[in-house]
């Protein structure tokens, strides 16, 4: 098995450092198989952001060295509008929707995790902090993947997320949440992040390859 997946990254269309094309190129050099650019969005910028990334996919993806997936990360939005914005993002052409979960290092609205896992149009709940067992079970039922992250601060609850996901039967994916070139992972580091969260070898393979591959195939 070679390569890995980057399904949660940011370009300078939100708060990242790189042009989308450069972000794709740098991920390819790291050995990435597929990359989703999931810039931060709410109702103020969702339409423009998704259209820009869809246009990039339509006009340049044929010459990209890896599979490119236009996506979005709904960030600090009220839980009650997550279903509406997720549906709008998909209708506009976003192939993957990430919801910014209740990380312990940011004041994310309470109820965000629950709203995300209850929405079948959400693909990944990012850095979900102290997600409850009930929420993780709902994620498992609705096919929402839970994130193990290498992002500073957000990663502090990786071990807890892994433990709860295991108990609930929820599927995990390892992501970098990259904002700068140095944030991008290679396969070796992705596996280390998974191991650091307490995953065993089978779970590491699932979180770094099997589960993200499954999600990309669904997309």
C-alpha atoms as a PDB file:
ATOM      1  CA  UNK A   1       0.000   0.000   0.000  1.00  0.00           C
ATOM      2  CA  UNK A   2       1.320   3.404  -0.994  1.00  0.00           C
ATOM      3  CA  UNK A   3      -0.002   6.901  -0.509  1.00  0.00           C
ATOM      4  CA  UNK A   4      -2.555   8.482   1.752  1.00  0.00           C
ATOM      5  CA  UNK A   5      -5.457  10.921   1.656  1.00  0.00           C
ATOM      6  CA  UNK A   6      -5.861  14.585   2.593  1.00  0.00           C
ATOM      7  CA  UNK A   7      -9.601  15.139   3.041  1.00  0.00           C
ATOM      8  CA  UNK A   8      -9.488  18.311   5.142  1.00  0.00           C
ATOM      9  CA  UNK A   9      -7.262  21.167   3.918  1.00  0.00           C
ATOM     10  CA  UNK A  10      -7.423  24.939   3.455  1.00  0.00           C
ATOM     11  CA  UNK A  11      -6.219  27.256   0.697  1.00  0.00           C
ATOM     12  CA  UNK A  12      -5.998  31.039   0.696  1.00  0.00           C
ATOM     13  CA  UNK A  13      -9.651  31.102  -0.371  1.00  0.00           C
ATOM     14  CA  UNK A  14     -10.171  31.068   3.401  1.00  0.00           C
ATOM     15  CA  UNK A  15      -7.344  31.096   5.961  1.00  0.00           C
ATOM     16  CA  UNK A  16      -4.757  28.875   4.288  1.00  0.00           C
ATOM     17  CA  UNK A  17      -1.444  30.050   2.846  1.00  0.00           C
ATOM     18  CA  UNK A  18      -1.474  28.531  -0.646  1.00  0.00           C
ATOM     19  CA  UNK A  19      -3.229  28.893  -3.967  1.00  0.00           C
ATOM     20  CA  UNK A  20      -5.392  25.787  -4.469  1.00  0.00           C
ATOM     21  CA  UNK A  21      -3.242  24.532  -7.354  1.00  0.00           C
ATOM     22  CA  UNK A  22      -0.096  24.790  -5.253  1.00  0.00           C
ATOM     23  CA  UNK A  23      -1.776  23.014  -2.357  1.00  0.00           C
ATOM     24  CA  UNK A  24      -2.690  20.139  -4.679  1.00  0.00           C
ATOM     25  CA  UNK A  25       0.847  19.997  -6.054  1.00  0.00           C
ATOM     26  CA  UNK A  26       2.487  19.974  -2.640  1.00  0.00           C
ATOM     27  CA  UNK A  27       0.154  17.212  -1.459  1.00  0.00           C
ATOM     28  CA  UNK A  28       1.074  15.164  -4.520  1.00  0.00           C
ATOM     29  CA  UNK A  29       4.772  15.533  -3.712  1.00  0.00           C
ATOM     30  CA  UNK A  30       3.998  14.185  -0.220  1.00  0.00           C
ATOM     31  CA  UNK A  31       2.599  11.033  -1.832  1.00  0.00           C
ATOM     32  CA  UNK A  32      -1.062  11.910  -1.528  1.00  0.00           C
ATOM     33  CA  UNK A  33      -3.614   9.875  -3.532  1.00  0.00           C
ATOM     34  CA  UNK A  34      -6.501  12.318  -3.264  1.00  0.00           C
ATOM     35  CA  UNK A  35      -6.950  15.761  -1.744  1.00  0.00           C
ATOM     36  CA  UNK A  36     -10.075  17.677  -0.794  1.00  0.00           C
ATOM     37  CA  UNK A  37      -9.831  21.430  -0.358  1.00  0.00           C
ATOM     38  CA  UNK A  38     -12.384  22.288   2.302  1.00  0.00           C
ATOM     39  CA  UNK A  39     -12.123  25.994   2.976  1.00  0.00           C
ATOM     40  CA  UNK A  40     -14.038  27.574   5.848  1.00  0.00           C
ATOM     41  CA  UNK A  41     -17.549  28.693   5.008  1.00  0.00           C
ATOM     42  CA  UNK A  42     -20.809  30.000   6.393  1.00  0.00           C
ATOM     43  CA  UNK A  43     -23.792  31.580   4.660  1.00  0.00           C
ATOM     44  CA  UNK A  44     -21.744  34.678   3.763  1.00  0.00           C
ATOM     45  CA  UNK A  45     -19.262  32.970   1.436  1.00  0.00           C
ATOM     46  CA  UNK A  46     -20.521  29.447   0.752  1.00  0.00           C
ATOM     47  CA  UNK A  47     -21.756  30.027  -2.790  1.00  0.00           C
ATOM     48  CA  UNK A  48     -18.663  31.848  -4.047  1.00  0.00           C
ATOM     49  CA  UNK A  49     -16.266  29.436  -2.378  1.00  0.00           C
ATOM     50  CA  UNK A  50     -17.864  26.251  -3.674  1.00  0.00           C
ATOM     51  CA  UNK A  51     -18.260  27.656  -7.174  1.00  0.00           C
ATOM     52  CA  UNK A  52     -14.571  28.628  -7.245  1.00  0.00           C
ATOM     53  CA  UNK A  53     -13.416  25.141  -6.248  1.00  0.00           C
ATOM     54  CA  UNK A  54     -15.862  23.437  -8.605  1.00  0.00           C
ATOM     55  CA  UNK A  55     -14.555  25.630 -11.439  1.00  0.00           C
ATOM     56  CA  UNK A  56     -11.016  24.577 -10.543  1.00  0.00           C
ATOM     57  CA  UNK A  57     -12.073  20.931 -10.670  1.00  0.00           C
ATOM     58  CA  UNK A  58     -13.766  21.380 -14.040  1.00  0.00           C
ATOM     59  CA  UNK A  59     -10.893  23.255 -15.676  1.00  0.00           C
ATOM     60  CA  UNK A  60      -7.766  21.760 -14.106  1.00  0.00           C
ATOM     61  CA  UNK A  61      -8.436  18.429 -12.430  1.00  0.00           C
ATOM     62  CA  UNK A  62      -7.648  16.494 -15.615  1.00  0.00           C
ATOM     63  CA  UNK A  63      -4.024  17.617 -15.373  1.00  0.00           C
ATOM     64  CA  UNK A  64      -3.599  17.381 -11.590  1.00  0.00           C
ATOM     65  CA  UNK A  65      -1.243  14.583 -10.465  1.00  0.00           C
ATOM     66  CA  UNK A  66      -3.730  13.443  -7.779  1.00  0.00           C
ATOM     67  CA  UNK A  67      -7.502  13.280  -7.518  1.00  0.00           C
ATOM     68  CA  UNK A  68      -8.894  16.678  -6.539  1.00  0.00           C
ATOM     69  CA  UNK A  69     -12.165  16.968  -4.600  1.00  0.00           C
ATOM     70  CA  UNK A  70     -13.917  20.335  -4.192  1.00  0.00           C
ATOM     71  CA  UNK A  71     -15.291  20.606  -0.679  1.00  0.00           C
ATOM     72  CA  UNK A  72     -16.116  22.934   2.171  1.00  0.00           C
ATOM     73  CA  UNK A  73     -15.839  23.114   5.955  1.00  0.00           C
ATOM     74  CA  UNK A  74     -18.857  24.639   7.657  1.00  0.00           C
ATOM     75  CA  UNK A  75     -17.290  26.568  10.509  1.00  0.00           C
ATOM     76  CA  UNK A  76     -18.822  28.071  13.671  1.00  0.00           C
ATOM     77  CA  UNK A  77     -22.309  28.076  12.161  1.00  0.00           C
ATOM     78  CA  UNK A  78     -25.392  27.606  14.312  1.00  0.00           C
ATOM     79  CA  UNK A  79     -26.270  23.914  14.622  1.00  0.00           C
ATOM     80  CA  UNK A  80     -29.804  24.420  13.360  1.00  0.00           C
ATOM     81  CA  UNK A  81     -28.636  25.641   9.938  1.00  0.00           C
ATOM     82  CA  UNK A  82     -26.060  22.901   9.326  1.00  0.00           C
ATOM     83  CA  UNK A  83     -28.539  20.757   7.310  1.00  0.00           C
ATOM     84  CA  UNK A  84     -29.563  23.718   5.131  1.00  0.00           C
ATOM     85  CA  UNK A  85     -25.997  24.847   4.393  1.00  0.00           C
ATOM     86  CA  UNK A  86     -24.810  21.286   3.820  1.00  0.00           C
ATOM     87  CA  UNK A  87     -27.557  20.687   1.291  1.00  0.00           C
ATOM     88  CA  UNK A  88     -26.771  23.987  -0.438  1.00  0.00           C
ATOM     89  CA  UNK A  89     -23.078  23.098  -0.635  1.00  0.00           C
ATOM     90  CA  UNK A  90     -23.875  19.735  -2.235  1.00  0.00           C
ATOM     91  CA  UNK A  91     -26.336  21.330  -4.656  1.00  0.00           C
ATOM     92  CA  UNK A  92     -23.644  23.820  -5.714  1.00  0.00           C
ATOM     93  CA  UNK A  93     -21.253  20.962  -6.471  1.00  0.00           C
ATOM     94  CA  UNK A  94     -19.260  20.394  -3.303  1.00  0.00           C
ATOM     95  CA  UNK A  95     -18.309  16.727  -3.316  1.00  0.00           C
ATOM     96  CA  UNK A  96     -17.355  16.589   0.350  1.00  0.00           C
ATOM     97  CA  UNK A  97     -18.719  18.506   3.332  1.00  0.00           C
ATOM     98  CA  UNK A  98     -16.766  18.735   6.581  1.00  0.00           C
ATOM     99  CA  UNK A  99     -18.275  20.255   9.715  1.00  0.00           C
ATOM    100  CA  UNK A 100     -15.967  22.034  12.169  1.00  0.00           C
ATOM    101  CA  UNK A 101     -16.587  20.010  15.317  1.00  0.00           C
ATOM    102  CA  UNK A 102     -16.598  20.983  18.978  1.00  0.00           C
ATOM    103  CA  UNK A 103     -12.840  21.164  19.469  1.00  0.00           C
ATOM    104  CA  UNK A 104     -11.794  22.073  23.002  1.00  0.00           C
ATOM    105  CA  UNK A 105      -9.627  24.984  21.811  1.00  0.00           C
ATOM    106  CA  UNK A 106     -12.329  27.076  20.081  1.00  0.00           C
ATOM    107  CA  UNK A 107     -15.784  28.322  21.175  1.00  0.00           C
ATOM    108  CA  UNK A 108     -17.781  26.171  18.760  1.00  0.00           C
ATOM    109  CA  UNK A 109     -21.545  26.373  19.417  1.00  0.00           C
ATOM    110  CA  UNK A 110     -22.764  23.522  21.633  1.00  0.00           C
ATOM    111  CA  UNK A 111     -24.855  21.083  19.654  1.00  0.00           C
ATOM    112  CA  UNK A 112     -22.657  21.300  16.557  1.00  0.00           C
ATOM    113  CA  UNK A 113     -21.467  17.695  16.864  1.00  0.00           C
ATOM    114  CA  UNK A 114     -25.026  16.413  17.244  1.00  0.00           C
ATOM    115  CA  UNK A 115     -26.327  18.421  14.284  1.00  0.00           C
ATOM    116  CA  UNK A 116     -23.461  17.217  12.085  1.00  0.00           C
ATOM    117  CA  UNK A 117     -23.815  13.505  12.808  1.00  0.00           C
ATOM    118  CA  UNK A 118     -27.586  13.675  12.398  1.00  0.00           C
ATOM    119  CA  UNK A 119     -27.218  15.140   8.890  1.00  0.00           C
ATOM    120  CA  UNK A 120     -26.730  12.423   6.244  1.00  0.00           C
ATOM    121  CA  UNK A 121     -25.268  14.965   3.810  1.00  0.00           C
ATOM    122  CA  UNK A 122     -22.285  15.598   6.112  1.00  0.00           C
ATOM    123  CA  UNK A 123     -19.257  13.473   5.255  1.00  0.00           C
ATOM    124  CA  UNK A 124     -16.733  14.215   8.034  1.00  0.00           C
ATOM    125  CA  UNK A 125     -17.071  15.660  11.516  1.00  0.00           C
ATOM    126  CA  UNK A 126     -13.695  17.287  12.097  1.00  0.00           C
ATOM    127  CA  UNK A 127     -11.895  17.347  15.454  1.00  0.00           C
ATOM    128  CA  UNK A 128     -15.068  16.608  17.466  1.00  0.00           C
ATOM    129  CA  UNK A 129     -13.515  17.149  20.899  1.00  0.00           C
ATOM    130  CA  UNK A 130     -15.406  15.355  23.653  1.00  0.00           C
ATOM    131  CA  UNK A 131     -17.993  13.803  21.353  1.00  0.00           C
ATOM    132  CA  UNK A 132     -20.464  11.672  23.274  1.00  0.00           C
ATOM    133  CA  UNK A 133     -20.943   7.953  22.787  1.00  0.00           C
ATOM    134  CA  UNK A 134     -24.508   8.592  21.628  1.00  0.00           C
ATOM    135  CA  UNK A 135     -23.316  11.089  19.014  1.00  0.00           C
ATOM    136  CA  UNK A 136     -20.658   8.655  17.809  1.00  0.00           C
ATOM    137  CA  UNK A 137     -23.292   5.939  17.451  1.00  0.00           C
ATOM    138  CA  UNK A 138     -25.427   8.294  15.367  1.00  0.00           C
ATOM    139  CA  UNK A 139     -22.373   9.034  13.219  1.00  0.00           C
ATOM    140  CA  UNK A 140     -21.906   5.303  12.666  1.00  0.00           C
ATOM    141  CA  UNK A 141     -25.565   4.884  11.679  1.00  0.00           C
ATOM    142  CA  UNK A 142     -25.515   7.829   9.253  1.00  0.00           C
ATOM    143  CA  UNK A 143     -22.131   7.142   7.682  1.00  0.00           C
ATOM    144  CA  UNK A 144     -20.478  10.285   9.060  1.00  0.00           C
ATOM    145  CA  UNK A 145     -16.731   9.773   9.507  1.00  0.00           C
ATOM    146  CA  UNK A 146     -14.998  11.088  12.630  1.00  0.00           C
ATOM    147  CA  UNK A 147     -11.627  12.776  12.332  1.00  0.00           C
ATOM    148  CA  UNK A 148      -8.308  12.045  13.969  1.00  0.00           C
ATOM    149  CA  UNK A 149      -6.288  15.188  13.319  1.00  0.00           C
ATOM    150  CA  UNK A 150      -2.686  16.310  13.353  1.00  0.00           C
ATOM    151  CA  UNK A 151      -3.747  19.951  13.796  1.00  0.00           C
ATOM    152  CA  UNK A 152      -2.233  21.681  16.827  1.00  0.00           C
ATOM    153  CA  UNK A 153      -4.742  22.084  19.649  1.00  0.00           C
ATOM    154  CA  UNK A 154      -7.483  20.122  17.918  1.00  0.00           C
ATOM    155  CA  UNK A 155      -5.400  16.955  18.306  1.00  0.00           C
ATOM    156  CA  UNK A 156      -5.530  17.078  22.108  1.00  0.00           C
ATOM    157  CA  UNK A 157      -8.636  14.885  22.197  1.00  0.00           C
ATOM    158  CA  UNK A 158      -7.556  12.370  19.522  1.00  0.00           C
ATOM    159  CA  UNK A 159      -7.217   9.578  22.049  1.00  0.00           C
ATOM    160  CA  UNK A 160     -10.668  10.240  23.458  1.00  0.00           C
ATOM    161  CA  UNK A 161     -12.216  10.402  19.963  1.00  0.00           C
ATOM    162  CA  UNK A 162     -10.568   7.098  19.035  1.00  0.00           C
ATOM    163  CA  UNK A 163     -11.850   5.425  22.203  1.00  0.00           C
ATOM    164  CA  UNK A 164     -15.428   6.620  21.723  1.00  0.00           C
ATOM    165  CA  UNK A 165     -15.428   5.780  17.996  1.00  0.00           C
ATOM    166  CA  UNK A 166     -14.240   2.256  18.775  1.00  0.00           C
ATOM    167  CA  UNK A 167     -17.023   1.770  21.330  1.00  0.00           C
ATOM    168  CA  UNK A 168     -19.642   3.135  18.923  1.00  0.00           C
ATOM    169  CA  UNK A 169     -18.452   1.421  15.764  1.00  0.00           C
ATOM    170  CA  UNK A 170     -17.904   4.787  14.066  1.00  0.00           C
ATOM    171  CA  UNK A 171     -15.384   5.065  11.244  1.00  0.00           C
ATOM    172  CA  UNK A 172     -12.276   7.214  11.623  1.00  0.00           C
ATOM    173  CA  UNK A 173     -10.186   9.141   9.088  1.00  0.00           C
ATOM    174  CA  UNK A 174      -6.819  10.783   9.679  1.00  0.00           C
ATOM    175  CA  UNK A 175      -6.564  14.337   8.319  1.00  0.00           C
ATOM    176  CA  UNK A 176      -4.025  17.134   8.582  1.00  0.00           C
ATOM    177  CA  UNK A 177      -6.383  20.135   8.528  1.00  0.00           C
ATOM    178  CA  UNK A 178      -3.489  21.720   6.641  1.00  0.00           C
ATOM    179  CA  UNK A 179      -3.295  25.504   6.420  1.00  0.00           C
ATOM    180  CA  UNK A 180       0.386  25.746   5.417  1.00  0.00           C
ATOM    181  CA  UNK A 181       2.790  23.514   3.438  1.00  0.00           C
ATOM    182  CA  UNK A 182       4.433  22.245   6.626  1.00  0.00           C
ATOM    183  CA  UNK A 183       1.081  20.913   7.846  1.00  0.00           C
ATOM    184  CA  UNK A 184       0.671  18.374   5.042  1.00  0.00           C
ATOM    185  CA  UNK A 185       1.228  14.754   6.015  1.00  0.00           C
ATOM    186  CA  UNK A 186       2.958  11.876   4.298  1.00  0.00           C
ATOM    187  CA  UNK A 187       1.845   8.291   4.846  1.00  0.00           C
ATOM    188  CA  UNK A 188       4.424   7.626   7.547  1.00  0.00           C
ATOM    189  CA  UNK A 189       3.347  10.645   9.591  1.00  0.00           C
ATOM    190  CA  UNK A 190      -0.350   9.898   9.064  1.00  0.00           C
ATOM    191  CA  UNK A 191       0.247   6.453  10.515  1.00  0.00           C
ATOM    192  CA  UNK A 192       2.117   7.952  13.470  1.00  0.00           C
ATOM    193  CA  UNK A 193      -0.776  10.314  14.181  1.00  0.00           C
ATOM    194  CA  UNK A 194      -3.144   7.338  14.188  1.00  0.00           C
ATOM    195  CA  UNK A 195      -0.831   5.325  16.429  1.00  0.00           C
ATOM    196  CA  UNK A 196      -0.520   8.255  18.798  1.00  0.00           C
ATOM    197  CA  UNK A 197      -4.299   8.275  19.143  1.00  0.00           C
ATOM    198  CA  UNK A 198      -4.109   4.716  20.447  1.00  0.00           C
ATOM    199  CA  UNK A 199      -5.164   2.845  17.325  1.00  0.00           C
ATOM    200  CA  UNK A 200      -3.892  -0.679  16.699  1.00  0.00           C
ATOM    201  CA  UNK A 201      -2.420  -1.765  13.356  1.00  0.00           C
ATOM    202  CA  UNK A 202      -5.747  -2.755  11.856  1.00  0.00           C
ATOM    203  CA  UNK A 203      -7.348   0.480  12.967  1.00  0.00           C
ATOM    204  CA  UNK A 204      -4.391   2.482  11.638  1.00  0.00           C
ATOM    205  CA  UNK A 205      -4.829   0.892   8.210  1.00  0.00           C
ATOM    206  CA  UNK A 206      -8.547   1.662   8.311  1.00  0.00           C
ATOM    207  CA  UNK A 207      -8.131   5.301   9.369  1.00  0.00           C
ATOM    208  CA  UNK A 208      -5.326   6.136   6.940  1.00  0.00           C
ATOM    209  CA  UNK A 209      -6.354   4.103   3.913  1.00  0.00           C
ATOM    210  CA  UNK A 210      -9.453   1.889   3.953  1.00  0.00           C
ATOM    211  CA  UNK A 211     -11.948   4.414   5.322  1.00  0.00           C
ATOM    212  CA  UNK A 212     -10.782   7.451   3.308  1.00  0.00           C
ATOM    213  CA  UNK A 213     -10.637   5.277   0.180  1.00  0.00           C
ATOM    214  CA  UNK A 214     -14.194   4.165   0.862  1.00  0.00           C
ATOM    215  CA  UNK A 215     -15.316   7.766   1.272  1.00  0.00           C
ATOM    216  CA  UNK A 216     -13.574   8.897  -1.916  1.00  0.00           C
ATOM    217  CA  UNK A 217     -15.202   6.061  -3.854  1.00  0.00           C
ATOM    218  CA  UNK A 218     -18.615   7.141  -2.532  1.00  0.00           C
ATOM    219  CA  UNK A 219     -17.889  10.671  -3.718  1.00  0.00           C
END
